[in-house]
Amino acid sequence: MKSFLKNFFTALGAVAFLTFVGFFLLIILVSKNIGGGDISELVGDDKNNVGIVELQGEINSSKDIREKLEKFVKDKKIKAIVIAIDSPGGAVGASEEIYKYIKEAGEKKPVVCSLGNMAASGGLYSSMGCKKVYTQAGTMTGSIGVILMLPNFKEVMDKVGVQFNIVKSGALKDAGTPFREFTESDREFLHAVAMEAYQQFITIVSNSRNIPIDKVKEFADGRVILGETSVKLGLSDAIGTLKDAAKDALSQAMGEGTVAQDLEPKLIYPPKKLSFPEIIENLQHEGSVPILPQKYQSVSIRFQLM
């Protein structure tokens, strides 16, 4: 009897272990393949397909946007593209790259931008890649400028008796470090860097929207601009929804004589490539793994009017 029980529990343990391993491998396989397939599998034979690329949340990288744009541009079933922007901005370099990728895509297919709750700073910078921009009347945009926020922990470190011994090749190598006092030389140097990036920003706005740079400087002081005002200033073209932007993009693809309002675009969202933690979270909360979610949500930083 003891021998039977021992063999039984050994077999049960082996089955449990193999089940766990198989489940783990399945999740890894799913997480690697979601979002990596051909978008054509999702669009069918509809002739009014408009690809939607979402730029949401803080901008830290251009990789995801670049990959989605490339897929939509290559897919012949996608007639036009809409960039749906809901972002407070972010890294200067990544925003500039996204602007360039959008502009390059626009040379191959019609690309229109649609601004959501927010398209400020880097979000606005990115939208400059579109030849036509739709906005909501209440969209918070603008915030044209560059900011560096540098903490200073020196006083706290002095209280606990911690110091850093710094060896550097030049006086400005550690400019802005939080571990010593912020000097006037640091301030002058970093301000010059910020102003150089700012000049690049307003030049892009001026060239992309055909607004004299002196006129751009009048509202490029970091202020938030609502969508209706952005149309008056020339930062956006019209008040409209994402669907209005899709109709416009599709009419451009159809050519002259096509009336945008008569079209009914089919909005195509690329599948999201889920990470392992996201799959586990979905299993915990939903009890299932979304293999090909048509549209997904991501966390955005948003301002509120209090």
Protein backbone atom coordinates (compact mmCIF):
# COMPACT_ATOMS: atom_id res chain seq x y z
CA MET A 1 0.00 0.00 0.00
CA LYS A 2 2.83 2.37 0.92
CA SER A 3 4.52 1.58 -2.38
CA PHE A 4 1.27 2.31 -4.28
CA LEU A 5 0.76 5.66 -2.51
CA LYS A 6 4.36 6.61 -3.12
CA ASN A 7 4.06 5.86 -6.83
CA PHE A 8 0.68 7.61 -7.02
CA PHE A 9 1.92 10.86 -5.47
CA THR A 10 5.11 10.72 -7.53
CA ALA A 11 3.04 10.45 -10.71
CA LEU A 12 0.68 13.19 -9.51
CA GLY A 13 3.65 15.46 -8.80
CA ALA A 14 5.10 14.75 -12.25
CA VAL A 15 1.79 15.58 -13.93
CA ALA A 16 1.49 18.80 -11.95
CA PHE A 17 5.06 19.78 -12.81
CA LEU A 18 4.61 19.05 -16.54
CA THR A 19 1.32 20.98 -16.55
CA PHE A 20 3.02 23.98 -14.98
CA VAL A 21 5.93 23.83 -17.43
CA GLY A 22 3.55 23.50 -20.39
CA PHE A 23 1.47 26.45 -19.17
CA PHE A 24 4.61 28.53 -18.66
CA LEU A 25 5.92 27.74 -22.15
CA LEU A 26 2.52 28.55 -23.67
CA ILE A 27 2.50 31.97 -22.02
CA ILE A 28 6.05 32.67 -23.21
CA LEU A 29 5.10 31.62 -26.75
CA VAL A 30 1.98 33.81 -26.72
CA SER A 31 3.84 36.82 -25.29
CA LYS A 32 6.48 36.58 -28.00
CA ASN A 33 4.06 36.23 -30.88
CA ILE A 34 1.30 38.71 -30.01
CA GLY A 35 1.64 41.73 -32.25
CA GLY A 36 4.30 40.19 -34.41
CA GLY A 37 2.05 38.91 -37.15
CA ASP A 38 0.94 40.40 -40.43
CA ILE A 39 -1.69 43.10 -39.98
CA SER A 40 -3.32 41.85 -43.20
CA GLU A 41 -4.70 38.99 -41.14
CA LEU A 42 -6.88 41.51 -39.30
CA VAL A 43 -8.03 43.83 -42.08
CA GLY A 44 -9.77 41.42 -44.46
CA ASP A 45 -10.69 42.65 -47.93
CA ASP A 46 -12.27 45.96 -46.93
CA LYS A 47 -11.14 48.79 -49.23
CA ASN A 48 -11.64 51.50 -46.61
CA ASN A 49 -9.03 50.33 -44.09
CA VAL A 50 -7.38 53.11 -42.10
CA GLY A 51 -4.58 52.14 -39.74
CA ILE A 52 -4.64 53.72 -36.28
CA VAL A 53 -1.32 54.28 -34.51
CA GLU A 54 -1.75 55.37 -30.89
CA LEU A 55 0.81 57.62 -29.22
CA GLN A 56 -0.23 57.56 -25.58
CA GLY A 57 1.34 58.52 -22.29
CA GLU A 58 4.80 59.87 -21.62
CA ILE A 59 7.16 59.68 -24.60
CA ASN A 60 10.32 57.76 -23.74
CA SER A 61 10.96 55.79 -26.93
CA SER A 62 10.04 55.89 -30.62
CA LYS A 63 10.47 52.15 -31.25
CA ASP A 64 6.83 51.09 -30.89
CA ILE A 65 5.53 53.91 -33.11
CA ARG A 66 8.18 53.23 -35.76
CA GLU A 67 7.33 49.51 -35.93
CA LYS A 68 3.58 50.13 -36.23
CA LEU A 69 4.05 52.79 -38.89
CA GLU A 70 6.31 50.51 -40.90
CA LYS A 71 3.74 47.69 -40.84
CA PHE A 72 0.90 49.97 -41.94
CA VAL A 73 2.99 51.56 -44.68
CA LYS A 74 4.02 48.17 -46.10
CA ASP A 75 0.52 46.64 -45.96
CA LYS A 76 -1.25 47.36 -49.25
CA LYS A 77 -4.65 46.80 -47.66
CA ILE A 78 -4.12 49.82 -45.40
CA LYS A 79 -5.09 52.86 -47.47
CA ALA A 80 -4.23 55.62 -44.99
CA ILE A 81 -3.00 56.15 -41.42
CA VAL A 82 -4.19 58.20 -38.45
CA ILE A 83 -1.87 59.02 -35.55
CA ALA A 84 -4.04 59.24 -32.41
CA ILE A 85 -2.08 61.36 -29.92
CA ASP A 86 -2.85 61.56 -26.20
CA SER A 87 0.44 62.52 -24.60
CA PRO A 88 1.87 65.20 -22.30
CA GLY A 89 5.25 64.91 -24.02
CA GLY A 90 8.49 63.44 -22.81
CA ALA A 91 12.04 62.95 -24.06
CA VAL A 92 13.25 65.44 -26.67
CA GLY A 93 15.11 62.89 -28.79
CA ALA A 94 12.25 60.36 -28.87
CA SER A 95 9.70 63.08 -29.77
CA GLU A 96 11.92 64.27 -32.61
CA GLU A 97 12.30 60.72 -33.93
CA ILE A 98 8.53 60.14 -33.87
CA TYR A 99 8.02 63.42 -35.77
CA LYS A 100 10.47 62.22 -38.43
CA TYR A 101 8.93 58.73 -38.70
CA ILE A 102 5.45 60.23 -39.12
CA LYS A 103 6.72 62.61 -41.78
CA GLU A 104 8.45 59.78 -43.66
CA ALA A 105 5.29 57.65 -43.55
CA GLY A 106 3.32 60.61 -44.94
CA GLU A 107 5.49 60.57 -48.07
CA LYS A 108 4.18 57.07 -48.89
CA LYS A 109 0.58 57.14 -47.66
CA PRO A 110 -1.81 59.82 -46.38
CA VAL A 111 -1.17 60.37 -42.66
CA VAL A 112 -3.40 62.56 -40.50
CA CYS A 113 -3.02 63.36 -36.80
CA SER A 114 -5.89 63.31 -34.32
CA LEU A 115 -5.32 64.98 -30.94
CA GLY A 116 -7.18 63.56 -27.95
CA ASN A 117 -7.27 64.78 -24.35
CA MET A 118 -3.74 66.08 -24.54
CA ALA A 119 -1.04 66.68 -27.13
CA ALA A 120 1.37 68.93 -25.30
CA SER A 121 5.09 69.59 -25.68
CA GLY A 122 6.55 66.38 -27.18
CA GLY A 123 3.04 65.27 -28.15
CA LEU A 124 2.64 68.46 -30.16
CA TYR A 125 6.18 68.09 -31.55
CA SER A 126 5.27 64.61 -32.84
CA SER A 127 2.11 65.91 -34.54
CA MET A 128 4.19 68.31 -36.62
CA GLY A 129 4.99 65.28 -38.83
CA CYS A 130 1.39 65.30 -40.10
CA LYS A 131 0.38 67.58 -42.95
CA LYS A 132 -3.12 67.79 -41.46
CA VAL A 133 -4.07 67.83 -37.77
CA TYR A 134 -7.51 67.41 -36.17
CA THR A 135 -8.11 68.39 -32.55
CA GLN A 136 -10.92 68.50 -30.02
CA ALA A 137 -12.01 71.96 -28.87
CA GLY A 138 -10.94 71.06 -25.33
CA THR A 139 -7.68 69.29 -26.22
CA MET A 140 -4.81 70.60 -24.09
CA THR A 141 -1.93 71.23 -26.46
CA GLY A 142 0.86 73.77 -26.79
CA SER A 143 3.31 73.75 -23.86
CA ILE A 144 6.03 74.53 -26.37
CA GLY A 145 9.29 74.57 -24.48
CA VAL A 146 12.02 72.55 -22.81
CA ILE A 147 12.36 71.95 -19.08
CA LEU A 148 15.05 70.38 -16.91
CA MET A 149 14.08 69.48 -13.33
CA LEU A 150 17.12 68.63 -11.22
CA PRO A 151 16.78 67.52 -7.58
CA ASN A 152 19.38 68.44 -4.98
CA PHE A 153 20.05 65.95 -2.18
CA LYS A 154 23.17 67.61 -0.76
CA GLU A 155 21.56 68.94 2.41
CA VAL A 156 20.02 65.56 3.19
CA MET A 157 23.32 63.81 2.51
CA ASP A 158 25.16 66.23 4.78
CA LYS A 159 22.75 65.41 7.61
CA VAL A 160 23.36 61.67 7.33
CA GLY A 161 27.08 62.11 6.72
CA VAL A 162 27.27 60.82 3.15
CA GLN A 163 29.58 62.37 0.57
CA PHE A 164 30.57 61.59 -3.02
CA ASN A 165 34.16 61.86 -4.16
CA ILE A 166 33.93 62.90 -7.81
CA VAL A 167 36.74 62.55 -10.33
CA LYS A 168 35.91 64.15 -13.68
CA SER A 169 37.57 65.05 -16.94
CA GLY A 170 35.99 68.49 -17.22
CA ALA A 171 34.28 71.10 -15.07
CA LEU A 172 30.84 70.44 -16.54
CA LYS A 173 30.97 66.64 -16.65
CA ASP A 174 28.74 66.39 -13.55
CA ALA A 175 26.64 69.48 -14.26
CA GLY A 176 23.23 69.03 -12.67
CA THR A 177 24.24 66.22 -10.33
CA PRO A 178 21.97 66.06 -7.25
CA PHE A 179 24.94 65.32 -4.98
CA ARG A 180 26.47 68.81 -4.82
CA GLU A 181 25.37 72.44 -4.94
CA PHE A 182 24.05 73.71 -8.26
CA THR A 183 26.56 76.32 -9.47
CA GLU A 184 26.07 79.33 -11.73
CA SER A 185 28.28 77.62 -14.34
CA ASP A 186 25.94 74.62 -14.25
CA ARG A 187 22.94 76.89 -14.70
CA GLU A 188 24.42 78.77 -17.65
CA PHE A 189 25.50 75.58 -19.41
CA LEU A 190 22.23 73.68 -18.96
CA HIS A 191 20.18 76.75 -19.85
CA ALA A 192 22.11 77.01 -23.13
CA VAL A 193 21.36 73.34 -23.86
CA ALA A 194 17.67 73.87 -23.11
CA MET A 195 17.54 76.94 -25.36
CA GLU A 196 19.21 75.05 -28.20
CA ALA A 197 16.55 72.33 -27.98
CA TYR A 198 13.86 75.02 -27.70
CA GLN A 199 15.12 76.71 -30.88
CA GLN A 200 14.93 73.39 -32.71
CA PHE A 201 11.36 72.91 -31.42
CA ILE A 202 10.03 76.30 -32.57
CA THR A 203 11.81 75.96 -35.91
CA ILE A 204 10.02 72.64 -36.54
CA VAL A 205 6.68 74.24 -35.58
CA SER A 206 7.35 77.21 -37.86
CA ASN A 207 8.39 75.11 -40.85
CA SER A 208 5.74 72.39 -40.43
CA ARG A 209 2.79 74.73 -39.92
CA ASN A 210 4.00 77.56 -42.13
CA ILE A 211 3.88 80.07 -39.26
CA PRO A 212 6.51 82.86 -39.09
CA ILE A 213 8.93 82.01 -36.29
CA ASP A 214 8.40 85.39 -34.62
CA LYS A 215 4.70 84.56 -34.45
CA VAL A 216 5.49 81.14 -32.96
CA LYS A 217 7.59 82.78 -30.23
CA GLU A 218 4.55 84.79 -29.13
CA PHE A 219 2.83 81.66 -27.80
CA ALA A 220 5.85 79.36 -27.38
CA ASP A 221 6.46 80.29 -23.75
CA GLY A 222 5.32 76.99 -22.23
CA ARG A 223 1.64 77.94 -22.00
CA VAL A 224 -1.08 75.33 -22.46
CA ILE A 225 -3.28 76.04 -25.49
CA LEU A 226 -6.77 74.61 -25.94
CA GLY A 227 -7.67 72.97 -29.23
CA GLU A 228 -9.98 75.71 -30.47
CA THR A 229 -7.25 78.31 -29.97
CA SER A 230 -4.67 76.03 -31.60
CA VAL A 231 -6.76 76.08 -34.80
CA LYS A 232 -6.82 79.88 -34.74
CA LEU A 233 -3.05 79.98 -34.23
CA GLY A 234 -2.45 77.50 -37.04
CA LEU A 235 -1.09 74.64 -34.89
CA SER A 236 -4.08 72.49 -35.91
CA ASP A 237 -6.29 72.50 -38.98
CA ALA A 238 -9.78 71.71 -37.75
CA ILE A 239 -11.97 70.61 -34.87
CA GLY A 240 -12.90 66.98 -35.35
CA THR A 241 -12.90 63.46 -33.96
CA LEU A 242 -10.58 60.58 -34.71
CA LYS A 243 -13.18 59.33 -37.18
CA ASP A 244 -13.19 62.72 -38.94
CA ALA A 245 -9.41 62.41 -39.25
CA ALA A 246 -9.81 58.87 -40.65
CA LYS A 247 -12.35 60.07 -43.23
CA ASP A 248 -10.00 62.85 -44.31
CA ALA A 249 -7.04 60.49 -44.62
CA LEU A 250 -9.11 57.99 -46.58
CA SER A 251 -10.41 60.67 -48.96
CA GLN A 252 -6.81 61.69 -49.65
CA ALA A 253 -6.02 58.07 -50.50
CA MET A 254 -9.06 57.83 -52.80
CA GLY A 255 -8.03 60.90 -54.76
CA GLU A 256 -9.82 63.94 -56.14
CA GLY A 257 -13.59 63.94 -56.30
CA THR A 258 -13.97 61.90 -53.12
CA VAL A 259 -15.99 63.59 -50.37
CA ALA A 260 -14.61 62.72 -46.96
CA GLN A 261 -17.98 62.86 -45.21
CA ASP A 262 -19.39 60.25 -47.61
CA LEU A 263 -16.80 57.67 -46.59
CA GLU A 264 -17.06 55.10 -43.83
CA PRO A 265 -13.50 54.13 -42.85
CA LYS A 266 -12.75 50.84 -41.14
CA LEU A 267 -10.41 51.61 -38.26
CA ILE A 268 -7.62 49.05 -37.87
CA TYR A 269 -5.70 48.93 -34.59
CA PRO A 270 -2.51 46.85 -34.58
CA PRO A 271 -2.47 43.95 -32.10
CA LYS A 272 -0.55 44.64 -28.96
CA LYS A 273 2.48 42.56 -28.04
CA LEU A 274 1.77 41.61 -24.44
CA SER A 275 4.58 41.09 -21.97
CA PHE A 276 4.70 38.14 -19.56
CA PRO A 277 3.57 40.26 -16.54
CA GLU A 278 0.64 41.66 -18.56
CA ILE A 279 -0.51 38.16 -19.51
CA ILE A 280 -0.37 37.05 -15.87
CA GLU A 281 -2.30 40.17 -14.84
CA ASN A 282 -4.98 39.47 -17.45
CA LEU A 283 -5.28 35.92 -16.23
CA GLN A 284 -5.73 37.13 -12.64
CA HIS A 285 -8.32 39.77 -13.44
CA GLU A 286 -10.08 38.43 -16.53
CA GLY A 287 -9.47 34.71 -16.37
CA SER A 288 -8.32 34.66 -20.01
CA VAL A 289 -5.48 35.72 -22.27
CA PRO A 290 -6.41 38.33 -24.94
CA ILE A 291 -4.64 36.89 -27.96
CA LEU A 292 -5.43 39.68 -30.46
CA PRO A 293 -6.94 42.69 -28.66
CA GLN A 294 -8.25 45.13 -31.25
CA LYS A 295 -7.57 48.13 -29.08
CA TYR A 296 -5.68 48.49 -25.84
CA GLN A 297 -5.40 51.12 -23.14
CA SER A 298 -2.21 52.44 -21.60
CA VAL A 299 -1.63 54.78 -18.72
CA SER A 300 -1.39 58.46 -19.62
CA ILE A 301 -0.31 61.43 -17.57
CA ARG A 302 -3.10 63.97 -17.63
CA PHE A 303 -3.67 67.42 -16.22
CA GLN A 304 -6.90 68.37 -14.52
CA LEU A 305 -8.44 71.83 -14.25
CA MET A 306 -9.16 72.34 -10.55
